[in-house]
Amino acid sequence: MVVDDEASIADTLALIFSSNGYDAQPAYSAEQALEMIERWSPDLAIIDVVLPGMNGIEFAIFLKASYPEIDFLLFSGQPGTGGLLEEAKKKGYLFEILAKPLHPTLMLAKVANMLSTPPANIGHLPN
């Protein structure tokens, strides 16, 4: 699952992952992602930190508590996410945030490493 309020980013990443053998679906808010999880349980959620409504870190904390079987990867193009990380740290959570833009092959490699089962055609971008 790719969660980003910028539809072009969510759709593009979902297409890249789908083209590389993953069952990937985009969501454009944490709330929409939660609705999707009720009918489809992804192994991994790639989450933008700056989202309308529930931000990505709040969503990651919720996933950790409610769906511990779903791994997640946070990413952001906003330099001002340090305050959100500090809030999470005060609650006992430490998160790594990958910086946007991240080359798709690096994202694919990170995901394959997290899932420990890389698809056969990893690293190939769609034409």
C-alpha atoms as a PDB file:
ATOM      1  CA  MET A   1       0.000   0.000   0.000  1.00  0.00           C
ATOM      2  CA  VAL A   2       1.262   3.478  -0.882  1.00  0.00           C
ATOM      3  CA  VAL A   3      -0.254   6.315   1.169  1.00  0.00           C
ATOM      4  CA  ASP A   4       0.374   9.830  -0.149  1.00  0.00           C
ATOM      5  CA  ASP A   5      -2.004  12.764  -0.506  1.00  0.00           C
ATOM      6  CA  GLU A   6      -0.273  13.669  -3.781  1.00  0.00           C
ATOM      7  CA  ALA A   7      -2.177  11.319  -6.075  1.00  0.00           C
ATOM      8  CA  SER A   8       0.497  11.393  -8.771  1.00  0.00           C
ATOM      9  CA  ILE A   9       3.103  10.111  -6.299  1.00  0.00           C
ATOM     10  CA  ALA A  10       0.851   7.429  -4.793  1.00  0.00           C
ATOM     11  CA  ASP A  11      -0.322   6.266  -8.220  1.00  0.00           C
ATOM     12  CA  THR A  12       3.192   6.255  -9.717  1.00  0.00           C
ATOM     13  CA  LEU A  13       4.704   4.311  -6.823  1.00  0.00           C
ATOM     14  CA  ALA A  14       1.825   1.818  -6.859  1.00  0.00           C
ATOM     15  CA  LEU A  15       2.382   1.355 -10.622  1.00  0.00           C
ATOM     16  CA  ILE A  16       6.130   0.852 -10.133  1.00  0.00           C
ATOM     17  CA  PHE A  17       5.550  -1.733  -7.404  1.00  0.00           C
ATOM     18  CA  SER A  18       2.822  -3.484  -9.416  1.00  0.00           C
ATOM     19  CA  SER A  19       5.140  -3.603 -12.434  1.00  0.00           C
ATOM     20  CA  ASN A  20       7.727  -5.295 -10.232  1.00  0.00           C
ATOM     21  CA  GLY A  21       5.506  -8.117  -9.018  1.00  0.00           C
ATOM     22  CA  TYR A  22       3.922  -6.590  -5.920  1.00  0.00           C
ATOM     23  CA  ASP A  23       0.204  -6.291  -5.233  1.00  0.00           C
ATOM     24  CA  ALA A  24       0.248  -2.521  -4.704  1.00  0.00           C
ATOM     25  CA  GLN A  25      -2.639  -0.125  -4.227  1.00  0.00           C
ATOM     26  CA  PRO A  26      -2.627   3.643  -3.630  1.00  0.00           C
ATOM     27  CA  ALA A  27      -4.452   5.488  -0.852  1.00  0.00           C
ATOM     28  CA  TYR A  28      -4.608   9.277  -0.660  1.00  0.00           C
ATOM     29  CA  SER A  29      -5.049   9.691   3.105  1.00  0.00           C
ATOM     30  CA  ALA A  30      -4.538   7.677   6.278  1.00  0.00           C
ATOM     31  CA  GLU A  31      -8.299   7.485   6.669  1.00  0.00           C
ATOM     32  CA  GLN A  32      -8.714   5.997   3.171  1.00  0.00           C
ATOM     33  CA  ALA A  33      -5.865   3.557   3.906  1.00  0.00           C
ATOM     34  CA  LEU A  34      -7.669   2.391   7.057  1.00  0.00           C
ATOM     35  CA  GLU A  35     -10.824   1.726   5.033  1.00  0.00           C
ATOM     36  CA  MET A  36      -8.760  -0.295   2.539  1.00  0.00           C
ATOM     37  CA  ILE A  37      -7.096  -2.340   5.301  1.00  0.00           C
ATOM     38  CA  GLU A  38     -10.532  -3.542   6.430  1.00  0.00           C
ATOM     39  CA  ARG A  39     -10.913  -5.436   3.127  1.00  0.00           C
ATOM     40  CA  TRP A  40      -7.262  -5.933   2.060  1.00  0.00           C
ATOM     41  CA  SER A  41      -4.337  -6.564   4.380  1.00  0.00           C
ATOM     42  CA  PRO A  42      -1.062  -5.379   2.861  1.00  0.00           C
ATOM     43  CA  ASP A  43       2.282  -6.693   4.091  1.00  0.00           C
ATOM     44  CA  LEU A  44       3.757  -3.193   3.935  1.00  0.00           C
ATOM     45  CA  ALA A  45       2.525   0.393   3.899  1.00  0.00           C
ATOM     46  CA  ILE A  46       4.706   3.133   2.405  1.00  0.00           C
ATOM     47  CA  ILE A  47       3.470   6.274   4.136  1.00  0.00           C
ATOM     48  CA  ASP A  48       4.059   9.957   3.459  1.00  0.00           C
ATOM     49  CA  VAL A  49       4.566  11.785   6.755  1.00  0.00           C
ATOM     50  CA  VAL A  50       2.676  14.951   5.830  1.00  0.00           C
ATOM     51  CA  LEU A  51      -0.932  13.908   5.229  1.00  0.00           C
ATOM     52  CA  PRO A  52      -4.192  15.793   5.766  1.00  0.00           C
ATOM     53  CA  GLY A  53      -6.108  14.682   8.856  1.00  0.00           C
ATOM     54  CA  MET A  54      -4.125  11.914  10.519  1.00  0.00           C
ATOM     55  CA  ASN A  55      -0.451  12.460   9.677  1.00  0.00           C
ATOM     56  CA  GLY A  56       1.816   9.616   8.621  1.00  0.00           C
ATOM     57  CA  ILE A  57       3.489   9.217  11.999  1.00  0.00           C
ATOM     58  CA  GLU A  58       0.133   9.008  13.783  1.00  0.00           C
ATOM     59  CA  PHE A  59      -0.933   6.458  11.176  1.00  0.00           C
ATOM     60  CA  ALA A  60       2.277   4.441  11.715  1.00  0.00           C
ATOM     61  CA  ILE A  61       1.674   4.421  15.490  1.00  0.00           C
ATOM     62  CA  PHE A  62      -1.900   3.253  14.895  1.00  0.00           C
ATOM     63  CA  LEU A  63      -0.703   0.496  12.528  1.00  0.00           C
ATOM     64  CA  LYS A  64       1.891  -0.670  15.054  1.00  0.00           C
ATOM     65  CA  ALA A  65      -0.794  -0.965  17.741  1.00  0.00           C
ATOM     66  CA  SER A  66      -3.705  -2.290  15.680  1.00  0.00           C
ATOM     67  CA  TYR A  67      -2.060  -4.179  12.804  1.00  0.00           C
ATOM     68  CA  PRO A  68       1.391  -5.294  14.004  1.00  0.00           C
ATOM     69  CA  GLU A  69       1.678  -7.689  11.049  1.00  0.00           C
ATOM     70  CA  ILE A  70       1.827  -4.725   8.625  1.00  0.00           C
ATOM     71  CA  ASP A  71       5.305  -3.264   8.229  1.00  0.00           C
ATOM     72  CA  PHE A  72       5.645   0.349   7.202  1.00  0.00           C
ATOM     73  CA  LEU A  73       8.120   2.733   5.660  1.00  0.00           C
ATOM     74  CA  LEU A  74       7.843   6.488   6.192  1.00  0.00           C
ATOM     75  CA  PHE A  75       8.965   9.045   3.642  1.00  0.00           C
ATOM     76  CA  SER A  76       8.659  12.792   3.249  1.00  0.00           C
ATOM     77  CA  GLY A  77       9.633  15.667   1.023  1.00  0.00           C
ATOM     78  CA  GLN A  78       9.080  18.183   3.817  1.00  0.00           C
ATOM     79  CA  PRO A  79      12.088  19.283   5.884  1.00  0.00           C
ATOM     80  CA  GLY A  80       9.895  20.211   8.876  1.00  0.00           C
ATOM     81  CA  THR A  81       9.059  16.700  10.072  1.00  0.00           C
ATOM     82  CA  GLY A  82      11.472  16.815  13.025  1.00  0.00           C
ATOM     83  CA  GLY A  83       8.752  18.054  15.367  1.00  0.00           C
ATOM     84  CA  LEU A  84       6.563  15.081  14.495  1.00  0.00           C
ATOM     85  CA  LEU A  85       9.485  12.726  15.130  1.00  0.00           C
ATOM     86  CA  GLU A  86      10.080  14.344  18.519  1.00  0.00           C
ATOM     87  CA  GLU A  87       6.407  13.931  19.469  1.00  0.00           C
ATOM     88  CA  ALA A  88       6.596  10.247  18.528  1.00  0.00           C
ATOM     89  CA  LYS A  89       9.836   9.833  20.488  1.00  0.00           C
ATOM     90  CA  LYS A  90       8.153  11.261  23.616  1.00  0.00           C
ATOM     91  CA  LYS A  91       5.512   8.543  23.199  1.00  0.00           C
ATOM     92  CA  GLY A  92       8.231   5.874  22.951  1.00  0.00           C
ATOM     93  CA  TYR A  93       8.398   5.470  19.167  1.00  0.00           C
ATOM     94  CA  LEU A  94      11.505   5.843  17.028  1.00  0.00           C
ATOM     95  CA  PHE A  95      11.005   6.163  13.291  1.00  0.00           C
ATOM     96  CA  GLU A  96      13.247   6.571  10.289  1.00  0.00           C
ATOM     97  CA  ILE A  97      11.986   8.866   7.549  1.00  0.00           C
ATOM     98  CA  LEU A  98      13.349   8.479   4.036  1.00  0.00           C
ATOM     99  CA  ALA A  99      13.725  11.729   2.109  1.00  0.00           C
ATOM    100  CA  LYS A 100      11.776  12.368  -1.091  1.00  0.00           C
ATOM    101  CA  PRO A 101      12.634  12.164  -3.871  1.00  0.00           C
ATOM    102  CA  LEU A 102      13.905   8.617  -3.554  1.00  0.00           C
ATOM    103  CA  HIS A 103      14.887   6.816  -6.746  1.00  0.00           C
ATOM    104  CA  PRO A 104      12.449   3.983  -7.450  1.00  0.00           C
ATOM    105  CA  THR A 105      15.197   1.337  -7.594  1.00  0.00           C
ATOM    106  CA  LEU A 106      16.301   2.342  -4.089  1.00  0.00           C
ATOM    107  CA  MET A 107      12.707   2.194  -2.864  1.00  0.00           C
ATOM    108  CA  LEU A 108      12.253  -1.241  -4.485  1.00  0.00           C
ATOM    109  CA  ALA A 109      15.449  -2.505  -2.852  1.00  0.00           C
ATOM    110  CA  LYS A 110      14.408  -1.171   0.564  1.00  0.00           C
ATOM    111  CA  VAL A 111      10.981  -2.808   0.274  1.00  0.00           C
ATOM    112  CA  ALA A 112      12.451  -6.112  -0.926  1.00  0.00           C
ATOM    113  CA  ASN A 113      14.830  -6.070   2.030  1.00  0.00           C
ATOM    114  CA  MET A 114      11.987  -5.341   4.460  1.00  0.00           C
ATOM    115  CA  LEU A 115       9.797  -8.093   3.030  1.00  0.00           C
ATOM    116  CA  SER A 116      12.727 -10.517   2.557  1.00  0.00           C
ATOM    117  CA  THR A 117      11.118 -11.965  -0.569  1.00  0.00           C
ATOM    118  CA  PRO A 118      12.103  -9.938  -3.633  1.00  0.00           C
ATOM    119  CA  PRO A 119      10.067 -10.472  -6.790  1.00  0.00           C
ATOM    120  CA  ALA A 120      11.977 -11.956  -9.731  1.00  0.00           C
ATOM    121  CA  ASN A 121      12.054  -8.736 -11.758  1.00  0.00           C
ATOM    122  CA  ILE A 122      13.023  -6.299  -8.989  1.00  0.00           C
ATOM    123  CA  GLY A 123      14.674  -3.101 -10.077  1.00  0.00           C
ATOM    124  CA  HIS A 124      12.894  -2.748 -13.399  1.00  0.00           C
ATOM    125  CA  LEU A 125      10.889   0.402 -13.934  1.00  0.00           C
ATOM    126  CA  PRO A 126       7.761   0.324 -16.088  1.00  0.00           C
ATOM    127  CA  ASN A 127       8.180   1.546 -19.660  1.00  0.00           C
END
